[in-house]
Amino acid sequence: MLVSLMASLSPTVLLHAEEIEKDLGIPFYPGSRQDTNYAPLGVDKGGQSFRNINLITPDNFSKVLAFYQGRLGKFSIFKSQTSAKSALWNESNPQGYRILTLIGTQEGTKITITKRTW
């Protein structure tokens, strides 16, 4: 679905992390850095937009979750059979949605922030 969404919204523009943070309206976790395996993405076409950025931090899942819960409110929290932790926050309205996902790993926490408007 994301591939077809991205194809329908072309052209794709790679953005700087600071631009995406401001546009998303969701703060980046202090000390986190952009995951170099994934470039930040911004797509705009005909009044529609898509923004996505992947961040990583060596801080543990609980600390990162507490930071975002203090700013965004309630999360759905999951714990898989392999003891990996994940959390999802989403906000939607008639104009679009914002999603924040957290995934705890042995190395720290992965953070993905996405915004879609139409």
N, C-alpha and C. Protein backbone atom coordinates (compact mmCIF):
# COMPACT_ATOMS: atom_id res chain seq x y z
N MET A 1 0.81 -1.19 0.00
CA MET A 1 0.00 0.00 0.00
C MET A 1 0.86 1.26 0.00
N LEU A 2 1.94 1.24 0.81
CA LEU A 2 2.81 2.41 0.86
C LEU A 2 3.46 2.66 -0.49
N VAL A 3 3.84 1.61 -1.21
CA VAL A 3 4.46 1.77 -2.52
C VAL A 3 3.48 2.46 -3.47
N SER A 4 2.22 2.00 -3.49
CA SER A 4 1.25 2.64 -4.38
C SER A 4 0.97 4.07 -3.96
N LEU A 5 0.94 4.32 -2.65
CA LEU A 5 0.76 5.68 -2.15
C LEU A 5 1.91 6.56 -2.62
N MET A 6 3.13 6.07 -2.45
CA MET A 6 4.30 6.86 -2.84
C MET A 6 4.31 7.11 -4.34
N ALA A 7 3.94 6.12 -5.13
CA ALA A 7 3.93 6.29 -6.58
C ALA A 7 2.89 7.33 -6.99
N SER A 8 1.75 7.35 -6.30
CA SER A 8 0.70 8.30 -6.67
C SER A 8 1.02 9.72 -6.24
N LEU A 9 1.94 9.89 -5.30
CA LEU A 9 2.26 11.22 -4.81
C LEU A 9 3.53 11.82 -5.39
N SER A 10 4.23 11.13 -6.24
CA SER A 10 5.49 11.64 -6.79
C SER A 10 5.33 13.10 -7.18
N PRO A 11 6.32 13.93 -7.19
CA PRO A 11 7.72 13.62 -7.00
C PRO A 11 8.11 13.51 -5.53
N THR A 12 9.15 12.72 -5.28
CA THR A 12 9.67 12.51 -3.94
C THR A 12 10.80 13.50 -3.70
N VAL A 13 10.82 14.05 -2.50
CA VAL A 13 11.84 15.01 -2.12
C VAL A 13 12.48 14.53 -0.83
N LEU A 14 13.79 14.42 -0.79
CA LEU A 14 14.47 14.08 0.45
C LEU A 14 14.66 15.37 1.24
N LEU A 15 14.29 15.33 2.51
CA LEU A 15 14.32 16.52 3.35
C LEU A 15 15.34 16.37 4.47
N HIS A 16 15.72 17.48 5.05
CA HIS A 16 16.56 17.48 6.24
C HIS A 16 15.71 17.15 7.45
N ALA A 17 16.32 16.49 8.42
CA ALA A 17 15.61 16.06 9.61
C ALA A 17 14.91 17.23 10.32
N GLU A 18 15.56 18.38 10.39
CA GLU A 18 14.99 19.53 11.08
C GLU A 18 13.70 20.01 10.41
N GLU A 19 13.65 19.96 9.10
CA GLU A 19 12.44 20.35 8.37
C GLU A 19 11.29 19.40 8.69
N ILE A 20 11.60 18.11 8.76
CA ILE A 20 10.57 17.13 9.04
C ILE A 20 10.07 17.27 10.48
N GLU A 21 10.97 17.46 11.42
CA GLU A 21 10.56 17.62 12.82
C GLU A 21 9.57 18.77 12.97
N LYS A 22 9.86 19.90 12.36
CA LYS A 22 8.97 21.06 12.44
C LYS A 22 7.63 20.76 11.77
N ASP A 23 7.67 20.15 10.61
CA ASP A 23 6.45 19.84 9.87
C ASP A 23 5.58 18.81 10.60
N LEU A 24 6.20 17.82 11.21
CA LEU A 24 5.46 16.77 11.90
C LEU A 24 4.79 17.26 13.17
N GLY A 25 5.40 18.22 13.83
CA GLY A 25 4.85 18.69 15.09
C GLY A 25 5.06 17.70 16.22
N ILE A 26 5.95 16.76 16.04
CA ILE A 26 6.32 15.78 17.07
C ILE A 26 7.81 15.96 17.33
N PRO A 27 8.19 16.19 18.58
CA PRO A 27 9.61 16.42 18.84
C PRO A 27 10.44 15.16 18.63
N PHE A 28 11.66 15.35 18.20
CA PHE A 28 12.59 14.23 18.12
C PHE A 28 13.10 13.96 19.53
N TYR A 29 13.32 12.72 19.85
CA TYR A 29 13.84 12.34 21.16
C TYR A 29 15.23 12.97 21.34
N PRO A 30 15.48 13.61 22.48
CA PRO A 30 16.78 14.26 22.70
C PRO A 30 17.95 13.29 22.54
N GLY A 31 18.91 13.69 21.74
CA GLY A 31 20.09 12.88 21.51
C GLY A 31 19.92 11.79 20.48
N SER A 32 18.69 11.63 19.96
CA SER A 32 18.50 10.63 18.90
C SER A 32 19.17 11.13 17.63
N ARG A 33 19.43 10.20 16.74
CA ARG A 33 20.03 10.59 15.47
C ARG A 33 19.29 9.87 14.35
N GLN A 34 19.39 10.43 13.20
CA GLN A 34 18.74 9.84 12.03
C GLN A 34 19.36 8.47 11.74
N ASP A 35 18.53 7.49 11.48
CA ASP A 35 19.00 6.16 11.09
C ASP A 35 19.53 6.28 9.67
N THR A 36 20.81 6.09 9.49
CA THR A 36 21.43 6.29 8.17
C THR A 36 21.02 5.23 7.16
N ASN A 37 20.33 4.18 7.60
CA ASN A 37 19.83 3.18 6.66
C ASN A 37 18.57 3.65 5.94
N TYR A 38 17.96 4.73 6.43
CA TYR A 38 16.70 5.23 5.86
C TYR A 38 16.77 6.75 5.76
N ALA A 39 16.69 7.27 4.56
CA ALA A 39 16.70 8.72 4.35
C ALA A 39 15.34 9.28 4.75
N PRO A 40 15.31 10.49 5.35
CA PRO A 40 14.01 11.11 5.61
C PRO A 40 13.30 11.36 4.28
N LEU A 41 12.00 11.25 4.30
CA LEU A 41 11.25 11.31 3.07
C LEU A 41 10.14 12.34 3.15
N GLY A 42 9.99 13.11 2.10
CA GLY A 42 8.89 14.06 1.99
C GLY A 42 8.32 14.03 0.59
N VAL A 43 7.02 13.90 0.49
CA VAL A 43 6.35 13.85 -0.80
C VAL A 43 5.19 14.83 -0.74
N ASP A 44 5.08 15.68 -1.74
CA ASP A 44 3.99 16.65 -1.84
C ASP A 44 3.44 16.65 -3.26
N LYS A 45 2.11 16.57 -3.36
CA LYS A 45 1.50 16.65 -4.68
C LYS A 45 0.01 16.94 -4.53
N GLY A 46 -0.44 17.95 -5.20
CA GLY A 46 -1.87 18.26 -5.25
C GLY A 46 -2.54 18.41 -3.90
N GLY A 47 -1.88 19.06 -2.96
CA GLY A 47 -2.46 19.26 -1.64
C GLY A 47 -2.31 18.07 -0.71
N GLN A 48 -1.69 17.00 -1.17
CA GLN A 48 -1.44 15.83 -0.34
C GLN A 48 0.04 15.79 0.02
N SER A 49 0.34 15.22 1.19
CA SER A 49 1.74 15.11 1.58
C SER A 49 1.97 13.85 2.40
N PHE A 50 3.22 13.42 2.41
CA PHE A 50 3.66 12.28 3.20
C PHE A 50 5.04 12.62 3.74
N ARG A 51 5.25 12.43 5.04
CA ARG A 51 6.55 12.66 5.68
C ARG A 51 6.89 11.44 6.52
N ASN A 52 8.16 11.06 6.52
CA ASN A 52 8.60 9.92 7.31
C ASN A 52 10.06 10.10 7.67
N ILE A 53 10.38 9.78 8.92
CA ILE A 53 11.78 9.78 9.35
C ILE A 53 11.99 8.66 10.35
N ASN A 54 13.16 8.05 10.30
CA ASN A 54 13.55 6.98 11.21
C ASN A 54 14.72 7.47 12.04
N LEU A 55 14.58 7.37 13.35
CA LEU A 55 15.60 7.80 14.30
C LEU A 55 16.03 6.61 15.15
N ILE A 56 17.21 6.72 15.75
CA ILE A 56 17.67 5.71 16.69
C ILE A 56 18.32 6.40 17.88
N THR A 57 18.26 5.74 19.02
CA THR A 57 18.90 6.24 20.23
C THR A 57 19.40 5.05 21.04
N PRO A 58 20.52 5.20 21.72
CA PRO A 58 20.98 4.10 22.57
C PRO A 58 20.15 3.98 23.86
N ASP A 59 19.29 4.95 24.15
CA ASP A 59 18.48 4.91 25.37
C ASP A 59 17.48 3.77 25.33
N ASN A 60 17.15 3.24 26.51
CA ASN A 60 16.25 2.10 26.57
C ASN A 60 14.81 2.49 26.25
N PHE A 61 14.05 1.48 25.89
CA PHE A 61 12.66 1.65 25.47
C PHE A 61 11.83 2.41 26.51
N SER A 62 11.93 2.04 27.76
CA SER A 62 11.11 2.67 28.81
C SER A 62 11.36 4.17 28.92
N LYS A 63 12.60 4.58 28.81
CA LYS A 63 12.95 5.99 28.90
C LYS A 63 12.39 6.77 27.71
N VAL A 64 12.53 6.21 26.52
CA VAL A 64 12.03 6.87 25.31
C VAL A 64 10.50 6.93 25.35
N LEU A 65 9.86 5.85 25.76
CA LEU A 65 8.40 5.82 25.88
C LEU A 65 7.92 6.87 26.87
N ALA A 66 8.56 6.99 28.01
CA ALA A 66 8.17 8.00 29.02
C ALA A 66 8.27 9.41 28.44
N PHE A 67 9.32 9.68 27.68
CA PHE A 67 9.49 11.00 27.05
C PHE A 67 8.29 11.32 26.17
N TYR A 68 7.93 10.39 25.28
CA TYR A 68 6.84 10.64 24.35
C TYR A 68 5.47 10.60 25.02
N GLN A 69 5.27 9.77 26.02
CA GLN A 69 4.00 9.76 26.73
C GLN A 69 3.76 11.11 27.41
N GLY A 70 4.81 11.71 27.91
CA GLY A 70 4.70 13.03 28.55
C GLY A 70 4.31 14.13 27.58
N ARG A 71 4.59 13.94 26.31
CA ARG A 71 4.29 14.96 25.30
C ARG A 71 3.06 14.64 24.45
N LEU A 72 2.79 13.35 24.23
CA LEU A 72 1.73 12.96 23.32
C LEU A 72 0.55 12.24 23.98
N GLY A 73 0.75 11.70 25.15
CA GLY A 73 -0.33 10.99 25.81
C GLY A 73 -0.24 9.49 25.65
N LYS A 74 -1.38 8.85 25.60
CA LYS A 74 -1.48 7.40 25.65
C LYS A 74 -0.95 6.70 24.40
N PHE A 75 -0.23 5.62 24.63
CA PHE A 75 0.30 4.75 23.58
C PHE A 75 -0.33 3.38 23.70
N SER A 76 -0.38 2.65 22.61
CA SER A 76 -0.66 1.21 22.64
C SER A 76 0.70 0.55 22.79
N ILE A 77 0.85 -0.33 23.77
CA ILE A 77 2.15 -0.95 24.04
C ILE A 77 2.03 -2.45 23.84
N PHE A 78 3.03 -3.02 23.17
CA PHE A 78 3.04 -4.44 22.86
C PHE A 78 4.33 -5.06 23.34
N LYS A 79 4.26 -6.31 23.70
CA LYS A 79 5.46 -7.07 24.02
C LYS A 79 5.36 -8.40 23.30
N SER A 80 6.28 -8.65 22.39
CA SER A 80 6.21 -9.87 21.58
C SER A 80 6.75 -11.06 22.37
N GLN A 81 6.63 -12.22 21.79
CA GLN A 81 7.12 -13.44 22.42
C GLN A 81 8.63 -13.43 22.59
N THR A 82 9.33 -12.66 21.80
CA THR A 82 10.78 -12.60 21.90
C THR A 82 11.22 -11.52 22.88
N SER A 83 10.29 -10.98 23.63
CA SER A 83 10.53 -9.94 24.62
C SER A 83 10.90 -8.59 24.02
N ALA A 84 10.79 -8.44 22.72
CA ALA A 84 10.99 -7.13 22.11
C ALA A 84 9.80 -6.26 22.47
N LYS A 85 10.03 -5.01 22.76
CA LYS A 85 8.96 -4.10 23.13
C LYS A 85 8.68 -3.15 21.98
N SER A 86 7.40 -2.81 21.82
CA SER A 86 7.04 -1.82 20.82
C SER A 86 5.86 -1.02 21.33
N ALA A 87 5.74 0.19 20.82
CA ALA A 87 4.63 1.07 21.20
C ALA A 87 4.21 1.85 19.97
N LEU A 88 2.92 2.16 19.92
CA LEU A 88 2.36 2.89 18.80
C LEU A 88 1.48 4.02 19.33
N TRP A 89 1.66 5.20 18.78
CA TRP A 89 0.79 6.34 19.05
C TRP A 89 0.29 6.82 17.70
N ASN A 90 -1.01 7.09 17.61
CA ASN A 90 -1.49 7.67 16.36
C ASN A 90 -2.58 8.68 16.65
N GLU A 91 -2.66 9.60 15.74
CA GLU A 91 -3.65 10.67 15.81
C GLU A 91 -4.19 10.84 14.40
N SER A 92 -5.50 10.79 14.26
CA SER A 92 -6.05 11.01 12.93
C SER A 92 -7.21 11.98 13.01
N ASN A 93 -7.41 12.66 11.89
CA ASN A 93 -8.51 13.61 11.76
C ASN A 93 -8.91 13.61 10.28
N PRO A 94 -9.94 14.36 9.92
CA PRO A 94 -10.37 14.34 8.51
C PRO A 94 -9.31 14.80 7.51
N GLN A 95 -8.27 15.49 7.98
CA GLN A 95 -7.23 15.98 7.07
C GLN A 95 -6.03 15.05 6.95
N GLY A 96 -5.95 13.99 7.79
CA GLY A 96 -4.81 13.10 7.71
C GLY A 96 -4.51 12.41 9.02
N TYR A 97 -3.25 11.98 9.18
CA TYR A 97 -2.86 11.29 10.40
C TYR A 97 -1.38 11.49 10.71
N ARG A 98 -1.02 11.22 11.97
CA ARG A 98 0.37 11.17 12.42
C ARG A 98 0.55 9.87 13.20
N ILE A 99 1.67 9.22 13.00
CA ILE A 99 1.96 7.96 13.67
C ILE A 99 3.39 8.00 14.21
N LEU A 100 3.55 7.54 15.44
CA LEU A 100 4.87 7.39 16.05
C LEU A 100 4.99 5.96 16.53
N THR A 101 6.03 5.26 16.10
CA THR A 101 6.27 3.91 16.58
C THR A 101 7.63 3.85 17.27
N LEU A 102 7.68 3.07 18.33
CA LEU A 102 8.91 2.84 19.08
C LEU A 102 9.15 1.34 19.11
N ILE A 103 10.38 0.93 18.88
CA ILE A 103 10.74 -0.49 18.95
C ILE A 103 12.01 -0.60 19.77
N GLY A 104 11.92 -1.35 20.87
CA GLY A 104 13.08 -1.57 21.72
C GLY A 104 13.93 -2.69 21.17
N THR A 105 15.24 -2.46 21.13
CA THR A 105 16.19 -3.47 20.68
C THR A 105 17.30 -3.58 21.72
N GLN A 106 18.19 -4.53 21.53
CA GLN A 106 19.33 -4.65 22.44
C GLN A 106 20.24 -3.43 22.35
N GLU A 107 20.25 -2.76 21.21
CA GLU A 107 21.11 -1.60 21.01
C GLU A 107 20.49 -0.30 21.49
N GLY A 108 19.19 -0.30 21.78
CA GLY A 108 18.50 0.92 22.18
C GLY A 108 17.08 0.93 21.68
N THR A 109 16.66 2.07 21.11
CA THR A 109 15.28 2.21 20.66
C THR A 109 15.25 2.82 19.26
N LYS A 110 14.42 2.21 18.40
CA LYS A 110 14.19 2.75 17.06
C LYS A 110 12.89 3.56 17.11
N ILE A 111 12.90 4.71 16.47
CA ILE A 111 11.77 5.64 16.47
C ILE A 111 11.41 5.94 15.02
N THR A 112 10.14 5.76 14.66
CA THR A 112 9.68 6.12 13.32
C THR A 112 8.52 7.08 13.47
N ILE A 113 8.61 8.22 12.79
CA ILE A 113 7.56 9.23 12.83
C ILE A 113 7.05 9.44 11.40
N THR A 114 5.72 9.37 11.25
CA THR A 114 5.10 9.49 9.93
C THR A 114 3.92 10.46 10.01
N LYS A 115 3.76 11.25 8.96
CA LYS A 115 2.62 12.15 8.86
C LYS A 115 2.09 12.09 7.43
N ARG A 116 0.79 12.01 7.30
CA ARG A 116 0.13 11.99 5.98
C ARG A 116 -1.02 12.96 6.02
N THR A 117 -1.10 13.83 5.03
CA THR A 117 -2.23 14.77 4.92
C THR A 117 -2.84 14.66 3.55
N TRP A 118 -4.14 14.96 3.48
CA TRP A 118 -4.84 14.98 2.20
C TRP A 118 -5.85 16.08 2.19
